[in-house]
């Protein structure tokens, strides 16, 4: 078994996320939920809809996480914004359905944060 080389511990948490591939292209955003989040990045799985470009490793995505209110930490919903570099993007094997041409219908995307997350309104 290969040792885990990650720098940051992952927290399995489902938070709504919206990733925007390029400024001004909000209509081509990935809208889904995270699978896990760490202090260094996050991972999510997304459907690839018609007209969407699959991000390539090394590309940057702006994203917004929605954090629900919770007893004992914050009574209001908040949004965290940031920019992440795609460190991996791969077709999901369980996705036998294909989108246009040879593009996968679903992809797994790992992002590394490029800056500290910002609290938005």
Protein backbone atom coordinates (compact mmCIF):
# COMPACT_ATOMS: atom_id res chain seq x y z
CA UNK A 1 0.00 0.00 0.00
CA UNK A 2 1.41 3.36 -1.07
CA UNK A 3 1.74 5.98 1.72
CA UNK A 4 -0.46 9.08 1.57
CA UNK A 5 1.69 12.03 0.44
CA UNK A 6 -0.87 14.77 1.02
CA UNK A 7 0.23 17.79 3.02
CA UNK A 8 -3.22 18.56 4.43
CA UNK A 9 -5.79 16.35 6.13
CA UNK A 10 -9.05 16.07 4.18
CA UNK A 11 -12.44 16.65 5.74
CA UNK A 12 -15.24 14.77 4.02
CA UNK A 13 -17.89 17.47 3.78
CA UNK A 14 -20.59 18.27 1.26
CA UNK A 15 -20.73 22.00 0.58
CA UNK A 16 -22.45 23.58 -2.43
CA UNK A 17 -19.80 24.86 -4.85
CA UNK A 18 -19.92 26.89 -8.02
CA UNK A 19 -16.78 26.97 -10.19
CA UNK A 20 -16.47 29.53 -12.95
CA UNK A 21 -13.94 28.54 -15.67
CA UNK A 22 -13.36 32.10 -16.90
CA UNK A 23 -14.49 35.54 -15.72
CA UNK A 24 -17.84 36.45 -17.23
CA UNK A 25 -18.77 32.84 -18.07
CA UNK A 26 -21.10 32.22 -15.15
CA UNK A 27 -23.52 30.41 -17.50
CA UNK A 28 -20.84 27.69 -18.02
CA UNK A 29 -20.18 27.21 -14.31
CA UNK A 30 -19.93 23.82 -12.62
CA UNK A 31 -22.55 23.70 -9.87
CA UNK A 32 -22.28 20.71 -7.56
CA UNK A 33 -21.16 19.80 -4.02
CA UNK A 34 -17.69 19.14 -2.66
CA UNK A 35 -16.63 15.61 -1.76
CA UNK A 36 -13.83 16.76 0.55
CA UNK A 37 -12.07 19.95 1.60
CA UNK A 38 -8.72 20.61 3.26
CA UNK A 39 -6.77 23.74 4.16
CA UNK A 40 -4.88 23.36 0.87
CA UNK A 41 -7.64 22.53 -1.61
CA UNK A 42 -10.80 20.60 -2.41
CA UNK A 43 -12.25 17.86 -4.58
CA UNK A 44 -15.61 17.66 -6.32
CA UNK A 45 -17.35 15.68 -9.03
CA UNK A 46 -19.36 17.43 -11.72
CA UNK A 47 -21.58 16.71 -14.69
CA UNK A 48 -20.25 18.04 -17.98
CA UNK A 49 -23.16 19.73 -19.73
CA UNK A 50 -23.40 20.81 -23.35
CA UNK A 51 -21.21 23.82 -24.05
CA UNK A 52 -19.00 23.29 -20.99
CA UNK A 53 -15.27 23.03 -21.39
CA UNK A 54 -13.59 20.39 -19.24
CA UNK A 55 -10.84 22.18 -17.26
CA UNK A 56 -7.32 20.98 -17.89
CA UNK A 57 -4.65 20.45 -15.23
CA UNK A 58 -2.86 23.71 -14.53
CA UNK A 59 -5.84 25.90 -15.38
CA UNK A 60 -7.37 28.27 -12.81
CA UNK A 61 -10.98 28.23 -11.63
CA UNK A 62 -12.70 30.86 -9.53
CA UNK A 63 -15.07 29.24 -7.06
CA UNK A 64 -17.60 30.02 -4.38
CA UNK A 65 -18.45 27.69 -1.50
CA UNK A 66 -21.69 28.05 0.44
CA UNK A 67 -21.24 27.30 4.14
CA UNK A 68 -24.52 26.66 5.97
CA UNK A 69 -25.20 28.12 9.40
CA UNK A 70 -24.40 25.88 12.35
CA UNK A 71 -24.94 25.79 16.07
CA UNK A 72 -21.84 26.77 17.96
CA UNK A 73 -19.90 28.33 15.10
CA UNK A 74 -21.89 30.80 12.99
CA UNK A 75 -25.64 31.49 12.94
CA UNK A 76 -25.77 32.71 9.29
CA UNK A 77 -25.11 31.19 5.90
CA UNK A 78 -21.88 32.51 4.41
CA UNK A 79 -19.95 32.24 1.17
CA UNK A 80 -16.25 31.64 0.76
CA UNK A 81 -14.58 32.68 -2.47
CA UNK A 82 -11.25 31.76 -3.92
CA UNK A 83 -9.19 30.69 -6.89
CA UNK A 84 -7.92 27.17 -7.35
CA UNK A 85 -5.46 25.57 -9.74
CA UNK A 86 -6.69 22.29 -11.26
CA UNK A 87 -4.26 19.60 -10.12
CA UNK A 88 -6.30 16.74 -11.57
CA UNK A 89 -9.33 16.35 -13.78
CA UNK A 90 -10.34 12.87 -14.84
CA UNK A 91 -13.40 11.08 -16.24
CA UNK A 92 -15.31 9.08 -13.67
CA UNK A 93 -15.33 5.40 -14.51
CA UNK A 94 -18.84 4.88 -13.21
CA UNK A 95 -20.03 7.35 -15.82
CA UNK A 96 -20.82 5.16 -18.81
CA UNK A 97 -22.87 7.92 -20.43
CA UNK A 98 -20.90 10.23 -22.70
CA UNK A 99 -21.58 13.87 -23.46
CA UNK A 100 -20.85 15.41 -26.88
CA UNK A 101 -18.27 13.45 -28.86
CA UNK A 102 -15.79 11.67 -26.61
CA UNK A 103 -16.10 13.98 -23.62
CA UNK A 104 -16.99 12.26 -20.33
CA UNK A 105 -20.42 12.96 -18.86
CA UNK A 106 -18.90 13.31 -15.36
CA UNK A 107 -15.46 14.34 -14.15
CA UNK A 108 -13.61 14.43 -10.84
CA UNK A 109 -11.75 17.69 -10.24
CA UNK A 110 -9.10 18.42 -7.60
CA UNK A 111 -8.20 22.06 -6.92
CA UNK A 112 -5.28 23.52 -4.97
CA UNK A 113 -6.05 26.89 -3.39
CA UNK A 114 -3.94 29.70 -4.88
CA UNK A 115 -4.67 32.17 -2.07
CA UNK A 116 -6.43 32.22 1.30
CA UNK A 117 -10.22 31.97 0.96
CA UNK A 118 -12.18 35.22 1.19
CA UNK A 119 -15.48 35.62 3.01
CA UNK A 120 -18.13 37.03 0.66
CA UNK A 121 -21.64 38.26 1.11
